[in-house]
């Protein structure tokens, strides 16, 4: 009667807060998800949540099943790992590179969790390399690359992790601070602060400015997000960052955020891996853990 998929669906519904977003997380249409939940409620003879509430409000029956899900699903994950170890597939190497300066907020908890559950897998983030990460992945110098800029390389698979929105951070007193969204032309007279990477790897150029043929008045670079925020807050420029990288500064009322374009500027973050490691149980578990951790700690992201 009660299946694991039902428990996973209820967890997704609780975490997402709405049927639409929960359906995206479990890779179902909204109508299919609604049908699944209605069928489960009919089998159990109890409503599980109140319709048309946001965030979703669960009934006592729904809360009981959520408690069960929190108890059972981690045990299932642990059993799956143990079975993989018994099959002799536990050993491996996971050397990775990150092409996203603000990714450490969710990646480090993922790595810590993974190390605890797969101690046999050698995990490292090598530094000081003078080569591009993705070609290094193809040459087996690396095993995983976090990137928003996939390149067609033989033997390399791109696993989508999540979609995120890039926002423009401006000072509270900035002329753009009161706008909901801006067009590319409104950055023509601005100082744009970026990380010190090629413009071809920055969404604000490739998705927003370049298609419109617009160049900011000046470009300034900073190594760290906190340095960028200090420059923005003091009125010395604006910067485009993933929404999750701005959450802390918005909550502290340090800066303001403006959407880039009426529909927003959305990108997908990928984990690039080699085809030959795609089916390794520890790699599958790392990717699954990465998704779960990112949705647990980041705001404003969507399933890829």
Protein backbone atom coordinates (compact mmCIF):
# COMPACT_ATOMS: atom_id res chain seq x y z
CA UNK A 1 0.00 0.00 0.00
CA UNK A 2 2.59 2.52 1.11
CA UNK A 3 5.66 2.74 -1.14
CA UNK A 4 9.03 4.50 -0.94
CA UNK A 5 8.03 6.77 -3.82
CA UNK A 6 5.14 8.07 -1.72
CA UNK A 7 7.50 8.96 1.12
CA UNK A 8 9.89 10.70 -1.28
CA UNK A 9 7.00 12.63 -2.77
CA UNK A 10 5.82 13.86 0.63
CA UNK A 11 9.35 15.00 1.54
CA UNK A 12 9.57 16.86 -1.78
CA UNK A 13 6.19 18.47 -1.15
CA UNK A 14 7.24 19.61 2.31
CA UNK A 15 10.59 20.99 1.14
CA UNK A 16 9.28 22.64 -2.03
CA UNK A 17 6.17 24.10 -0.43
CA UNK A 18 3.94 23.66 -3.49
CA UNK A 19 2.68 20.94 -5.82
CA UNK A 20 4.26 22.60 -8.85
CA UNK A 21 7.77 22.69 -7.41
CA UNK A 22 7.42 19.27 -5.76
CA UNK A 23 6.46 17.76 -9.12
CA UNK A 24 9.64 19.21 -10.65
CA UNK A 25 11.76 17.69 -7.90
CA UNK A 26 10.40 14.17 -8.35
CA UNK A 27 10.30 14.50 -12.17
CA UNK A 28 6.53 14.19 -12.57
CA UNK A 29 3.92 16.42 -14.13
CA UNK A 30 1.76 18.30 -11.67
CA UNK A 31 -1.28 16.25 -12.69
CA UNK A 32 0.61 12.96 -12.21
CA UNK A 33 1.77 14.08 -8.77
CA UNK A 34 -1.74 15.15 -7.77
CA UNK A 35 -3.10 11.79 -8.95
CA UNK A 36 -0.47 9.91 -6.97
CA UNK A 37 -1.27 11.82 -3.78
CA UNK A 38 -5.03 11.53 -4.25
CA UNK A 39 -4.69 7.77 -4.81
CA UNK A 40 -2.60 7.45 -1.65
CA UNK A 41 -5.12 9.44 0.39
CA UNK A 42 -7.95 7.22 -0.84
CA UNK A 43 -6.01 4.08 0.11
CA UNK A 44 -5.23 5.43 3.57
CA UNK A 45 -8.66 6.97 4.13
CA UNK A 46 -7.11 10.24 5.31
CA UNK A 47 -6.26 13.59 3.68
CA UNK A 48 -2.51 14.23 3.94
CA UNK A 49 -2.38 17.99 3.41
CA UNK A 50 -4.65 21.00 3.00
CA UNK A 51 -5.15 22.12 -0.58
CA UNK A 52 -4.50 25.71 -1.67
CA UNK A 53 -2.14 26.50 1.20
CA UNK A 54 1.36 27.87 0.62
CA UNK A 55 3.58 26.63 2.03
CA UNK A 56 1.76 23.31 2.14
CA UNK A 57 0.11 22.59 5.48
CA UNK A 58 0.04 18.89 6.39
CA UNK A 59 -2.68 17.13 8.34
CA UNK A 60 -1.86 14.90 11.31
CA UNK A 61 -1.84 11.91 8.96
CA UNK A 62 0.55 13.71 6.63
CA UNK A 63 2.82 14.67 9.52
CA UNK A 64 2.93 11.03 10.64
CA UNK A 65 4.02 9.91 7.18
CA UNK A 66 6.64 12.68 7.05
CA UNK A 67 8.05 11.41 10.32
CA UNK A 68 8.14 7.91 8.83
CA UNK A 69 9.88 9.21 5.71
CA UNK A 70 12.56 10.96 7.77
CA UNK A 71 13.18 7.68 9.59
CA UNK A 72 13.00 5.23 6.68
CA UNK A 73 14.58 7.01 3.71
CA UNK A 74 18.00 7.56 5.32
CA UNK A 75 18.02 3.88 6.31
CA UNK A 76 17.28 2.90 2.71
CA UNK A 77 20.14 5.09 1.49
CA UNK A 78 22.48 3.49 4.00
CA UNK A 79 21.42 -0.01 2.93
CA UNK A 80 22.03 0.90 -0.72
CA UNK A 81 25.55 2.03 0.14
CA UNK A 82 26.23 -1.13 2.14
CA UNK A 83 25.05 -3.30 -0.76
CA UNK A 84 27.36 -1.42 -3.11
CA UNK A 85 30.27 -2.09 -0.77
CA UNK A 86 29.39 -5.79 -0.59
CA UNK A 87 29.44 -5.86 -4.39
CA UNK A 88 33.03 -4.63 -4.26
CA UNK A 89 32.33 -1.32 -6.00
CA UNK A 90 33.26 0.95 -3.14
CA UNK A 91 36.82 1.96 -4.07
CA UNK A 92 37.40 4.94 -6.29
CA UNK A 93 38.94 8.37 -6.66
CA UNK A 94 37.01 11.64 -6.70
CA UNK A 95 39.33 14.51 -7.57
CA UNK A 96 37.26 17.53 -8.51
CA UNK A 97 37.47 21.12 -9.66
CA UNK A 98 34.92 23.90 -9.26
CA UNK A 99 34.33 26.52 -11.94
CA UNK A 100 31.87 28.33 -9.70
CA UNK A 101 33.35 30.69 -7.10
CA UNK A 102 30.20 30.68 -4.95
CA UNK A 103 29.57 26.92 -5.02
CA UNK A 104 31.41 26.07 -1.81
CA UNK A 105 28.35 27.03 0.27
CA UNK A 106 26.60 23.79 -0.72
CA UNK A 107 29.49 21.72 -2.04
CA UNK A 108 31.49 21.51 1.19
CA UNK A 109 28.58 20.00 3.21
CA UNK A 110 28.10 17.54 0.33
CA UNK A 111 31.77 16.51 0.46
CA UNK A 112 31.73 16.17 4.26
CA UNK A 113 28.63 13.96 4.13
CA UNK A 114 30.06 11.89 1.30
CA UNK A 115 33.38 11.32 3.10
CA UNK A 116 31.53 10.01 6.15
CA UNK A 117 29.60 7.47 4.08
CA UNK A 118 32.24 6.50 1.49
CA UNK A 119 35.55 6.49 3.42
CA UNK A 120 37.07 4.15 0.84
CA UNK A 121 36.78 6.77 -1.93
CA UNK A 122 39.69 9.20 -2.14
CA UNK A 123 38.23 12.73 -2.25
CA UNK A 124 40.33 15.78 -3.07
CA UNK A 125 40.08 19.24 -4.62
CA UNK A 126 43.53 19.72 -6.17
CA UNK A 127 44.81 23.28 -6.40
CA UNK A 128 47.48 25.03 -8.40
CA UNK A 129 46.73 23.39 -11.75
CA UNK A 130 47.58 25.31 -14.89
CA UNK A 131 45.09 23.53 -17.15
CA UNK A 132 41.42 23.88 -17.97
CA UNK A 133 39.31 21.62 -15.74
CA UNK A 134 37.10 20.05 -18.42
CA UNK A 135 39.93 18.88 -20.73
CA UNK A 136 41.70 17.65 -17.58
CA UNK A 137 38.60 15.62 -16.78
CA UNK A 138 38.73 14.01 -20.22
CA UNK A 139 42.44 13.22 -19.66
CA UNK A 140 41.58 11.55 -16.31
CA UNK A 141 43.53 14.11 -14.28
CA UNK A 142 40.23 15.00 -12.64
CA UNK A 143 37.09 12.94 -11.97
CA UNK A 144 34.40 15.60 -11.60
CA UNK A 145 34.02 19.26 -12.52
CA UNK A 146 31.27 21.59 -11.30
CA UNK A 147 30.50 23.90 -14.21
CA UNK A 148 27.79 26.07 -15.74
CA UNK A 149 29.57 26.07 -19.10
CA UNK A 150 29.46 22.54 -20.61
CA UNK A 151 31.72 21.82 -23.59
CA UNK A 152 31.27 18.92 -26.01
CA UNK A 153 34.13 16.57 -25.12
CA UNK A 154 34.37 12.87 -26.04
CA UNK A 155 33.72 10.58 -23.11
CA UNK A 156 32.39 13.36 -20.86
CA UNK A 157 28.83 13.35 -19.48
CA UNK A 158 27.11 16.40 -18.00
CA UNK A 159 24.73 15.64 -15.16
CA UNK A 160 22.41 18.60 -14.41
CA UNK A 161 22.26 19.47 -10.72
CA UNK A 162 19.87 22.42 -10.52
CA UNK A 163 18.80 25.66 -12.19
CA UNK A 164 19.58 29.00 -10.60
CA UNK A 165 18.86 32.65 -11.26
CA UNK A 166 21.56 35.28 -11.62
CA UNK A 167 20.67 38.58 -9.93
CA UNK A 168 22.27 42.02 -10.03
CA UNK A 169 23.46 43.30 -6.65
CA UNK A 170 23.35 47.08 -6.24
CA UNK A 171 23.82 49.47 -3.34
CA UNK A 172 20.71 50.38 -1.36
CA UNK A 173 20.93 53.99 -2.57
CA UNK A 174 21.67 53.03 -6.21
CA UNK A 175 19.40 54.41 -8.95
CA UNK A 176 18.46 50.81 -9.94
CA UNK A 177 17.65 49.67 -6.39
CA UNK A 178 13.94 50.31 -6.72
CA UNK A 179 13.50 48.39 -9.98
CA UNK A 180 12.11 44.86 -10.24
CA UNK A 181 14.20 44.09 -13.34
CA UNK A 182 16.50 45.88 -15.75
CA UNK A 183 17.51 45.57 -19.40
CA UNK A 184 21.09 45.28 -20.67
CA UNK A 185 21.30 48.95 -21.72
CA UNK A 186 20.98 50.03 -18.09
CA UNK A 187 24.43 48.61 -17.37
CA UNK A 188 26.15 50.65 -20.11
CA UNK A 189 27.11 53.39 -17.65
CA UNK A 190 27.93 51.13 -14.72
CA UNK A 191 31.09 49.63 -13.24
CA UNK A 192 30.56 45.87 -13.31
CA UNK A 193 32.41 43.87 -10.66
CA UNK A 194 33.21 40.27 -11.60
CA UNK A 195 35.35 37.38 -10.51
CA UNK A 196 38.76 37.34 -12.29
CA UNK A 197 37.75 34.86 -15.01
CA UNK A 198 37.23 35.10 -18.75
CA UNK A 199 34.06 36.92 -19.75
CA UNK A 200 33.04 33.91 -21.85
CA UNK A 201 32.52 32.01 -18.58
CA UNK A 202 30.27 34.63 -16.98
CA UNK A 203 26.51 34.44 -17.57
CA UNK A 204 26.06 38.19 -17.26
CA UNK A 205 28.08 38.57 -20.47
CA UNK A 206 27.08 35.47 -22.45
CA UNK A 207 23.35 35.57 -21.62
CA UNK A 208 22.64 39.22 -20.91
CA UNK A 209 25.11 41.79 -22.24
CA UNK A 210 26.68 40.16 -25.31
CA UNK A 211 23.38 39.30 -27.10
CA UNK A 212 22.39 42.98 -26.75
CA UNK A 213 25.80 44.28 -27.84
CA UNK A 214 26.23 46.18 -24.56
CA UNK A 215 29.45 46.75 -22.63
CA UNK A 216 29.61 48.19 -19.12
CA UNK A 217 31.47 51.46 -18.70
CA UNK A 218 34.13 49.76 -16.60
CA UNK A 219 34.94 46.24 -15.40
CA UNK A 220 36.55 45.62 -12.03
CA UNK A 221 37.48 42.25 -10.56
CA UNK A 222 37.50 40.86 -7.02
CA UNK A 223 38.56 37.41 -5.80
CA UNK A 224 35.99 36.91 -3.04
CA UNK A 225 32.24 37.38 -2.85
CA UNK A 226 32.51 39.37 0.37
CA UNK A 227 34.91 41.80 -1.33
CA UNK A 228 32.45 42.22 -4.17
CA UNK A 229 29.65 42.95 -1.71
CA UNK A 230 31.74 45.57 0.09
CA UNK A 231 32.42 47.36 -3.20
CA UNK A 232 28.75 47.17 -4.19
CA UNK A 233 27.49 48.40 -0.80
CA UNK A 234 29.84 51.38 -0.92
CA UNK A 235 28.54 52.39 -4.36
CA UNK A 236 31.67 51.53 -6.33
CA UNK A 237 29.97 49.18 -8.76
CA UNK A 238 27.34 46.49 -9.31
CA UNK A 239 27.77 42.73 -9.71
CA UNK A 240 25.82 39.72 -11.00
CA UNK A 241 25.81 36.65 -8.80
CA UNK A 242 23.70 33.50 -8.31
CA UNK A 243 20.73 34.20 -6.08
CA UNK A 244 22.01 31.88 -3.35
CA UNK A 245 25.28 33.84 -3.10
CA UNK A 246 23.30 37.00 -2.29
CA UNK A 247 20.90 35.50 0.28
CA UNK A 248 23.05 36.34 3.31
CA UNK A 249 23.63 39.95 2.21
CA UNK A 250 19.99 40.54 1.34
CA UNK A 251 18.84 39.19 4.70
CA UNK A 252 21.28 41.57 6.43
CA UNK A 253 19.90 44.47 4.34
CA UNK A 254 23.40 45.06 3.03
CA UNK A 255 22.52 45.39 -0.70
CA UNK A 256 19.54 45.17 -3.02
CA UNK A 257 18.92 42.61 -5.79
CA UNK A 258 17.42 43.26 -9.23
CA UNK A 259 16.41 40.69 -11.86
CA UNK A 260 18.35 40.68 -15.13
CA UNK A 261 15.67 40.86 -17.80
CA UNK A 262 11.91 40.61 -17.43
CA UNK A 263 12.04 36.78 -17.37
CA UNK A 264 15.18 36.66 -15.26
CA UNK A 265 18.56 35.21 -16.20
CA UNK A 266 18.50 31.46 -15.48
CA UNK A 267 21.34 28.96 -15.89
CA UNK A 268 21.93 25.29 -15.13
CA UNK A 269 24.76 24.00 -12.98
CA UNK A 270 26.24 20.69 -14.08
CA UNK A 271 28.48 18.01 -12.66
CA UNK A 272 30.76 16.90 -15.47
CA UNK A 273 31.97 13.31 -15.14
CA UNK A 274 33.47 10.71 -17.45
CA UNK A 275 31.15 8.18 -19.04
CA UNK A 276 33.19 5.32 -17.58
CA UNK A 277 32.47 6.43 -13.99
CA UNK A 278 28.82 7.29 -14.55
CA UNK A 279 27.46 3.99 -13.19
CA UNK A 280 29.79 3.70 -10.20
CA UNK A 281 27.59 3.47 -7.07
CA UNK A 282 29.71 6.01 -5.19
CA UNK A 283 29.48 8.50 -8.06
CA UNK A 284 25.70 8.07 -8.28
CA UNK A 285 25.48 8.62 -4.54
CA UNK A 286 27.68 11.73 -4.67
CA UNK A 287 25.49 13.31 -7.35
CA UNK A 288 22.33 12.42 -5.47
CA UNK A 289 23.78 13.84 -2.25
CA UNK A 290 24.85 17.00 -4.08
CA UNK A 291 21.31 17.60 -5.32
CA UNK A 292 19.72 16.92 -1.95
CA UNK A 293 22.20 19.12 -0.11
CA UNK A 294 21.86 22.00 -2.55
CA UNK A 295 18.07 22.03 -2.23
CA UNK A 296 18.40 21.84 1.55
CA UNK A 297 20.79 24.79 1.92
CA UNK A 298 20.13 27.05 -1.07
CA UNK A 299 17.12 29.29 -1.71
CA UNK A 300 15.60 30.08 -5.08
CA UNK A 301 16.96 27.15 -7.09
CA UNK A 302 14.87 24.83 -9.26
CA UNK A 303 15.27 21.25 -10.49
CA UNK A 304 17.17 20.98 -13.75
